[in-house]
Amino acid sequence: MKLSGDFRHCLRHFAFYYTNGTLPFVIGDNSILKDIDYRELLKDEASLVEQAYAIYSNNIEMDDTGKVINNGYAMKRAAQWIRFVCREHGEEYEVVPPFDDWETYLY
């Protein structure tokens, strides 16, 4: 079984938004990553970026035809992870709802 064209399209766009720094503007909640230069903060943290992609892909849902039905939600969950790991020392940020184990699982 191959990944659907719609999923590949969504994954490509997630990678594009992440790498060019526009993820905050497409997740439907600009406040999550507001004023955070996550690309600079994570440039040497490959495992944290890997986790963001895992959260994104673990949250994706598709209908019977392979059409992605929750791309915005999956991007938002990944953005919440990015925000959580980019918080400054002593700064509190609570992911709501908290991540379930299945969301953060690395296959």
C-alpha atoms as a PDB file:
ATOM      1  CA  MET A   1       0.000   0.000   0.000  1.00  0.00           C
ATOM      2  CA  LYS A   2       1.299   3.445  -0.893  1.00  0.00           C
ATOM      3  CA  LEU A   3       0.696   6.659   0.985  1.00  0.00           C
ATOM      4  CA  SER A   4      -2.060   8.677  -0.596  1.00  0.00           C
ATOM      5  CA  GLY A   5      -1.222  11.603  -2.824  1.00  0.00           C
ATOM      6  CA  ASP A   6      -3.126  13.866  -0.449  1.00  0.00           C
ATOM      7  CA  PHE A   7      -1.011  12.733   2.520  1.00  0.00           C
ATOM      8  CA  ARG A   8       2.211  13.235   0.551  1.00  0.00           C
ATOM      9  CA  HIS A   9       0.941  16.705  -0.393  1.00  0.00           C
ATOM     10  CA  CYS A  10       0.191  17.566   3.247  1.00  0.00           C
ATOM     11  CA  LEU A  11       3.523  16.190   4.497  1.00  0.00           C
ATOM     12  CA  ARG A  12       5.412  18.169   1.862  1.00  0.00           C
ATOM     13  CA  HIS A  13       3.624  21.344   2.910  1.00  0.00           C
ATOM     14  CA  PHE A  14       4.287  20.682   6.601  1.00  0.00           C
ATOM     15  CA  ALA A  15       7.994  20.320   5.806  1.00  0.00           C
ATOM     16  CA  PHE A  16       7.865  23.508   3.719  1.00  0.00           C
ATOM     17  CA  TYR A  17       6.108  25.540   6.424  1.00  0.00           C
ATOM     18  CA  TYR A  18       8.466  24.225   9.097  1.00  0.00           C
ATOM     19  CA  THR A  19      11.662  24.929   7.193  1.00  0.00           C
ATOM     20  CA  ASN A  20      10.746  28.385   5.926  1.00  0.00           C
ATOM     21  CA  GLY A  21       9.459  29.534   9.313  1.00  0.00           C
ATOM     22  CA  THR A  22       5.820  30.032   8.367  1.00  0.00           C
ATOM     23  CA  LEU A  23       4.365  27.212  10.468  1.00  0.00           C
ATOM     24  CA  PRO A  24       2.959  29.709  13.028  1.00  0.00           C
ATOM     25  CA  PHE A  25       0.797  31.277  10.325  1.00  0.00           C
ATOM     26  CA  VAL A  26      -0.829  28.103   8.999  1.00  0.00           C
ATOM     27  CA  ILE A  27      -1.753  26.215  12.178  1.00  0.00           C
ATOM     28  CA  GLY A  28      -4.789  28.288  13.035  1.00  0.00           C
ATOM     29  CA  ASP A  29      -3.255  29.594  16.273  1.00  0.00           C
ATOM     30  CA  ASN A  30      -0.501  32.151  15.726  1.00  0.00           C
ATOM     31  CA  SER A  31       0.065  32.468  19.498  1.00  0.00           C
ATOM     32  CA  ILE A  32       1.656  29.022  19.899  1.00  0.00           C
ATOM     33  CA  LEU A  33       4.892  29.907  18.110  1.00  0.00           C
ATOM     34  CA  LYS A  34       4.674  33.690  18.262  1.00  0.00           C
ATOM     35  CA  ASP A  35       8.108  35.343  18.466  1.00  0.00           C
ATOM     36  CA  ILE A  36       9.899  31.977  18.672  1.00  0.00           C
ATOM     37  CA  ASP A  37      12.696  31.378  16.177  1.00  0.00           C
ATOM     38  CA  TYR A  38      12.250  27.615  16.361  1.00  0.00           C
ATOM     39  CA  ARG A  39      14.414  26.987  13.300  1.00  0.00           C
ATOM     40  CA  GLU A  40      17.396  28.599  15.001  1.00  0.00           C
ATOM     41  CA  LEU A  41      16.684  26.953  18.346  1.00  0.00           C
ATOM     42  CA  LEU A  42      16.301  23.477  16.833  1.00  0.00           C
ATOM     43  CA  LYS A  43      18.953  23.618  14.100  1.00  0.00           C
ATOM     44  CA  ASP A  44      21.258  21.341  16.106  1.00  0.00           C
ATOM     45  CA  GLU A  45      18.496  19.232  17.647  1.00  0.00           C
ATOM     46  CA  ALA A  46      17.631  16.649  15.016  1.00  0.00           C
ATOM     47  CA  SER A  47      15.888  14.315  17.472  1.00  0.00           C
ATOM     48  CA  LEU A  48      13.533  17.102  18.604  1.00  0.00           C
ATOM     49  CA  VAL A  49      12.660  17.892  14.986  1.00  0.00           C
ATOM     50  CA  GLU A  50      12.203  14.178  14.336  1.00  0.00           C
ATOM     51  CA  GLN A  51       9.727  14.114  17.223  1.00  0.00           C
ATOM     52  CA  ALA A  52       7.775  17.013  15.700  1.00  0.00           C
ATOM     53  CA  TYR A  53       7.436  15.077  12.448  1.00  0.00           C
ATOM     54  CA  ALA A  54       6.395  11.954  14.347  1.00  0.00           C
ATOM     55  CA  ILE A  55       3.690  13.889  16.200  1.00  0.00           C
ATOM     56  CA  TYR A  56       2.496  15.364  12.919  1.00  0.00           C
ATOM     57  CA  SER A  57       2.318  12.013  11.143  1.00  0.00           C
ATOM     58  CA  ASN A  58       0.877  10.120  14.135  1.00  0.00           C
ATOM     59  CA  ASN A  59      -1.994  12.617  14.311  1.00  0.00           C
ATOM     60  CA  ILE A  60      -2.883  12.554  10.620  1.00  0.00           C
ATOM     61  CA  GLU A  61      -6.257  11.004   9.847  1.00  0.00           C
ATOM     62  CA  MET A  62      -7.491  10.044   6.403  1.00  0.00           C
ATOM     63  CA  ASP A  63     -10.808   8.950   5.029  1.00  0.00           C
ATOM     64  CA  ASP A  64     -11.307   5.723   3.070  1.00  0.00           C
ATOM     65  CA  THR A  65      -9.994   7.333  -0.116  1.00  0.00           C
ATOM     66  CA  GLY A  66      -6.760   8.578   1.498  1.00  0.00           C
ATOM     67  CA  LYS A  67      -7.878  12.203   1.771  1.00  0.00           C
ATOM     68  CA  VAL A  68      -6.400  13.896   4.833  1.00  0.00           C
ATOM     69  CA  ILE A  69      -9.195  15.196   7.046  1.00  0.00           C
ATOM     70  CA  ASN A  70      -7.276  16.907   9.870  1.00  0.00           C
ATOM     71  CA  ASN A  71      -4.069  18.421   8.498  1.00  0.00           C
ATOM     72  CA  GLY A  72      -4.473  21.639  10.505  1.00  0.00           C
ATOM     73  CA  TYR A  73      -4.886  19.712  13.746  1.00  0.00           C
ATOM     74  CA  ALA A  74      -1.835  17.534  13.056  1.00  0.00           C
ATOM     75  CA  MET A  75       0.264  20.641  12.319  1.00  0.00           C
ATOM     76  CA  LYS A  76      -1.002  22.306  15.494  1.00  0.00           C
ATOM     77  CA  ARG A  77      -0.011  19.297  17.624  1.00  0.00           C
ATOM     78  CA  ALA A  78       3.478  19.356  16.095  1.00  0.00           C
ATOM     79  CA  ALA A  79       3.658  23.104  16.755  1.00  0.00           C
ATOM     80  CA  GLN A  80       2.723  22.515  20.384  1.00  0.00           C
ATOM     81  CA  TRP A  81       5.670  20.136  20.680  1.00  0.00           C
ATOM     82  CA  ILE A  82       7.984  22.681  19.072  1.00  0.00           C
ATOM     83  CA  ARG A  83       6.732  25.350  21.461  1.00  0.00           C
ATOM     84  CA  PHE A  84       7.211  23.031  24.428  1.00  0.00           C
ATOM     85  CA  VAL A  85      10.828  22.173  23.579  1.00  0.00           C
ATOM     86  CA  CYS A  86      11.693  25.781  22.672  1.00  0.00           C
ATOM     87  CA  ARG A  87      10.568  27.259  25.974  1.00  0.00           C
ATOM     88  CA  GLU A  88      13.184  29.181  27.906  1.00  0.00           C
ATOM     89  CA  HIS A  89      14.593  27.924  31.181  1.00  0.00           C
ATOM     90  CA  GLY A  90      11.987  28.384  33.879  1.00  0.00           C
ATOM     91  CA  GLU A  91       9.245  29.290  31.406  1.00  0.00           C
ATOM     92  CA  GLU A  92       6.105  27.253  31.724  1.00  0.00           C
ATOM     93  CA  TYR A  93       4.175  26.066  28.725  1.00  0.00           C
ATOM     94  CA  GLU A  94       1.475  23.456  29.043  1.00  0.00           C
ATOM     95  CA  VAL A  95       0.452  21.379  26.057  1.00  0.00           C
ATOM     96  CA  VAL A  96      -3.344  21.163  26.062  1.00  0.00           C
ATOM     97  CA  PRO A  97      -4.441  18.455  25.799  1.00  0.00           C
ATOM     98  CA  PRO A  98      -1.293  16.662  26.993  1.00  0.00           C
ATOM     99  CA  PHE A  99       0.311  14.331  24.468  1.00  0.00           C
ATOM    100  CA  ASP A 100      -0.827  10.728  24.592  1.00  0.00           C
ATOM    101  CA  ASP A 101       1.881   8.088  24.214  1.00  0.00           C
ATOM    102  CA  TRP A 102       0.664   7.125  20.727  1.00  0.00           C
ATOM    103  CA  GLU A 103       1.193  10.712  19.527  1.00  0.00           C
ATOM    104  CA  THR A 104       4.890  10.739  20.370  1.00  0.00           C
ATOM    105  CA  TYR A 105       5.724   7.187  19.327  1.00  0.00           C
ATOM    106  CA  LEU A 106       8.646   6.921  16.895  1.00  0.00           C
ATOM    107  CA  TYR A 107       8.175   4.072  14.431  1.00  0.00           C
END
